[in-house]
Amino acid sequence: MDFEANRIFVLCGKGQKQRIVPAGPKALKALLKYITARAERELTTDALFVSENSLPITRRHVEQHIRRLGHRAGIEGAPTLLRHTFTLWYLKRGGDVFSLQQLLGHSTLEMTRRYVSLAVSDVAQAHAKFGPGELV
């Protein structure tokens, strides 16, 4: 963790590549609190995130939990939908595709482009609402 630069270094994805993940002060403080509490437990794993019974929490566990929560809320495909929603919000709020590529962990812009193409319906809606042809 780098508190001064508000970022976390993580190993993830295919090939366990290092990623730099931006994090706000609140998130860093919460993570430090968790790490401190975790250090007080006698664990036999190096995994950062563990369950109540001290077993490593895997990506699959997280996806299943998000899927269950999404199902309860009536949202199907919740893990993927969260990622796509983040992508669209990031771009709508002025983020650029190059930093988005880094945040999503894509090695090429082609994969990022697939996420961006989902915004085509948003473009059509915006044009219908704000396009110059609608002013007449």
Protein backbone atom coordinates (compact mmCIF):
# COMPACT_ATOMS: atom_id res chain seq x y z
CA MET A 1 0.00 0.00 0.00
CA ASP A 2 1.14 3.49 -0.77
CA PHE A 3 -0.81 5.91 1.42
CA GLU A 4 0.82 9.01 -0.02
CA ALA A 5 -0.10 8.12 -3.61
CA ASN A 6 -3.47 6.54 -2.64
CA ARG A 7 -2.81 3.21 -4.31
CA ILE A 8 -2.54 -0.50 -3.64
CA PHE A 9 -0.26 -3.00 -5.38
CA VAL A 10 -1.96 -6.33 -6.09
CA LEU A 11 -1.16 -9.53 -7.95
CA CYS A 12 -4.12 -10.78 -9.91
CA GLY A 13 -5.49 -12.00 -13.17
CA LYS A 14 -3.91 -14.36 -15.61
CA GLY A 15 -0.25 -14.84 -14.82
CA GLN A 16 -0.53 -13.09 -11.46
CA LYS A 17 0.50 -9.75 -12.97
CA GLN A 18 1.10 -6.83 -10.65
CA ARG A 19 -1.55 -4.16 -10.88
CA ILE A 20 -1.61 -0.73 -9.32
CA VAL A 21 -5.10 -0.03 -8.04
CA PRO A 22 -6.10 3.51 -7.07
CA ALA A 23 -7.78 3.67 -3.67
CA GLY A 24 -9.14 6.55 -1.66
CA PRO A 25 -8.05 7.32 1.89
CA LYS A 26 -11.16 5.64 3.38
CA ALA A 27 -10.53 2.42 1.47
CA LEU A 28 -6.85 2.39 2.47
CA LYS A 29 -7.74 3.01 6.11
CA ALA A 30 -10.30 0.17 6.07
CA LEU A 31 -7.80 -2.17 4.41
CA LEU A 32 -5.13 -1.33 6.99
CA LYS A 33 -7.66 -1.98 9.78
CA TYR A 34 -8.49 -5.37 8.22
CA ILE A 35 -4.80 -6.27 7.82
CA THR A 36 -4.15 -5.36 11.46
CA ALA A 37 -7.07 -7.52 12.65
CA ARG A 38 -6.01 -10.35 10.34
CA ALA A 39 -2.46 -10.27 11.76
CA GLU A 40 -3.86 -11.01 15.22
CA ARG A 41 -5.25 -14.36 14.01
CA GLU A 42 -3.10 -17.45 13.76
CA LEU A 43 -3.42 -18.32 10.10
CA THR A 44 -1.80 -21.03 8.04
CA THR A 45 -2.29 -19.20 4.74
CA ASP A 46 -0.61 -16.25 3.08
CA ALA A 47 -3.86 -15.24 1.41
CA LEU A 48 -4.85 -11.71 2.34
CA PHE A 49 -8.59 -12.31 2.46
CA VAL A 50 -9.81 -15.25 4.50
CA SER A 51 -13.19 -16.55 5.57
CA GLU A 52 -14.38 -16.81 9.15
CA ASN A 53 -12.93 -20.32 9.29
CA SER A 54 -9.55 -18.99 8.07
CA LEU A 55 -9.71 -20.46 4.57
CA PRO A 56 -8.57 -18.31 1.64
CA ILE A 57 -11.35 -16.44 -0.14
CA THR A 58 -10.99 -17.05 -3.85
CA ARG A 59 -12.17 -15.04 -6.83
CA ARG A 60 -14.84 -17.70 -7.35
CA HIS A 61 -16.12 -17.22 -3.77
CA VAL A 62 -16.44 -13.48 -4.33
CA GLU A 63 -18.22 -13.97 -7.66
CA GLN A 64 -20.66 -16.45 -6.11
CA HIS A 65 -21.42 -14.09 -3.23
CA ILE A 66 -22.00 -11.14 -5.58
CA ARG A 67 -24.18 -13.34 -7.79
CA ARG A 68 -26.30 -14.39 -4.76
CA LEU A 69 -26.67 -10.78 -3.62
CA GLY A 70 -27.56 -9.73 -7.15
CA HIS A 71 -30.12 -12.51 -7.44
CA ARG A 72 -31.78 -11.36 -4.20
CA ALA A 73 -31.90 -7.84 -5.63
CA GLY A 74 -33.29 -9.08 -8.94
CA ILE A 75 -30.07 -8.41 -10.87
CA GLU A 76 -28.85 -11.32 -12.97
CA GLY A 77 -25.22 -11.54 -14.06
CA ALA A 78 -24.22 -9.28 -11.18
CA PRO A 79 -20.38 -9.71 -11.23
CA THR A 80 -20.13 -8.94 -14.93
CA LEU A 81 -22.77 -6.24 -14.71
CA LEU A 82 -20.79 -4.47 -11.95
CA ARG A 83 -17.69 -4.42 -14.14
CA HIS A 84 -19.60 -3.16 -17.18
CA THR A 85 -21.41 -0.53 -15.11
CA PHE A 86 -18.11 0.71 -13.69
CA THR A 87 -16.76 0.97 -17.24
CA LEU A 88 -19.70 3.03 -18.47
CA TRP A 89 -19.75 5.32 -15.45
CA TYR A 90 -16.00 5.85 -15.70
CA LEU A 91 -16.28 6.94 -19.31
CA LYS A 92 -19.41 9.04 -18.80
CA ARG A 93 -17.71 10.95 -16.00
CA GLY A 94 -14.76 11.83 -18.25
CA GLY A 95 -12.34 8.93 -17.82
CA ASP A 96 -10.20 8.01 -20.80
CA VAL A 97 -9.88 4.58 -22.42
CA PHE A 98 -6.14 4.30 -21.72
CA SER A 99 -6.46 4.62 -17.95
CA LEU A 100 -9.59 2.45 -18.14
CA GLN A 101 -7.51 -0.22 -19.86
CA GLN A 102 -5.09 -0.16 -16.93
CA LEU A 103 -7.87 -0.25 -14.32
CA LEU A 104 -9.55 -3.22 -15.99
CA GLY A 105 -6.22 -5.02 -16.34
CA HIS A 106 -6.48 -5.46 -20.10
CA SER A 107 -3.22 -5.99 -21.98
CA THR A 108 -4.71 -4.57 -25.19
CA LEU A 109 -7.19 -1.85 -26.06
CA GLU A 110 -9.20 -4.42 -28.05
CA MET A 111 -10.59 -5.99 -24.89
CA THR A 112 -11.38 -2.57 -23.45
CA ARG A 113 -13.10 -1.69 -26.72
CA ARG A 114 -15.53 -4.59 -26.14
CA TYR A 115 -16.63 -3.00 -22.88
CA VAL A 116 -16.87 0.43 -24.47
CA SER A 117 -19.04 -0.88 -27.32
CA LEU A 118 -21.72 -1.61 -24.74
CA ALA A 119 -22.23 2.14 -24.49
CA VAL A 120 -23.59 2.36 -28.05
CA SER A 121 -27.18 2.27 -26.79
CA ASP A 122 -26.33 5.13 -24.44
CA VAL A 123 -25.02 7.13 -27.40
CA ALA A 124 -28.24 6.51 -29.34
CA GLN A 125 -30.35 7.61 -26.36
CA ALA A 126 -28.27 10.75 -25.88
CA HIS A 127 -28.52 11.59 -29.58
CA ALA A 128 -32.28 11.13 -29.54
CA LYS A 129 -32.54 13.45 -26.57
CA PHE A 130 -29.89 16.06 -27.35
CA GLY A 131 -29.21 15.77 -31.09
CA PRO A 132 -29.71 18.91 -33.20
CA GLY A 133 -32.47 17.25 -35.24
CA GLU A 134 -34.64 17.15 -32.13
CA LEU A 135 -34.46 20.92 -31.65
CA VAL A 136 -36.54 21.66 -34.73
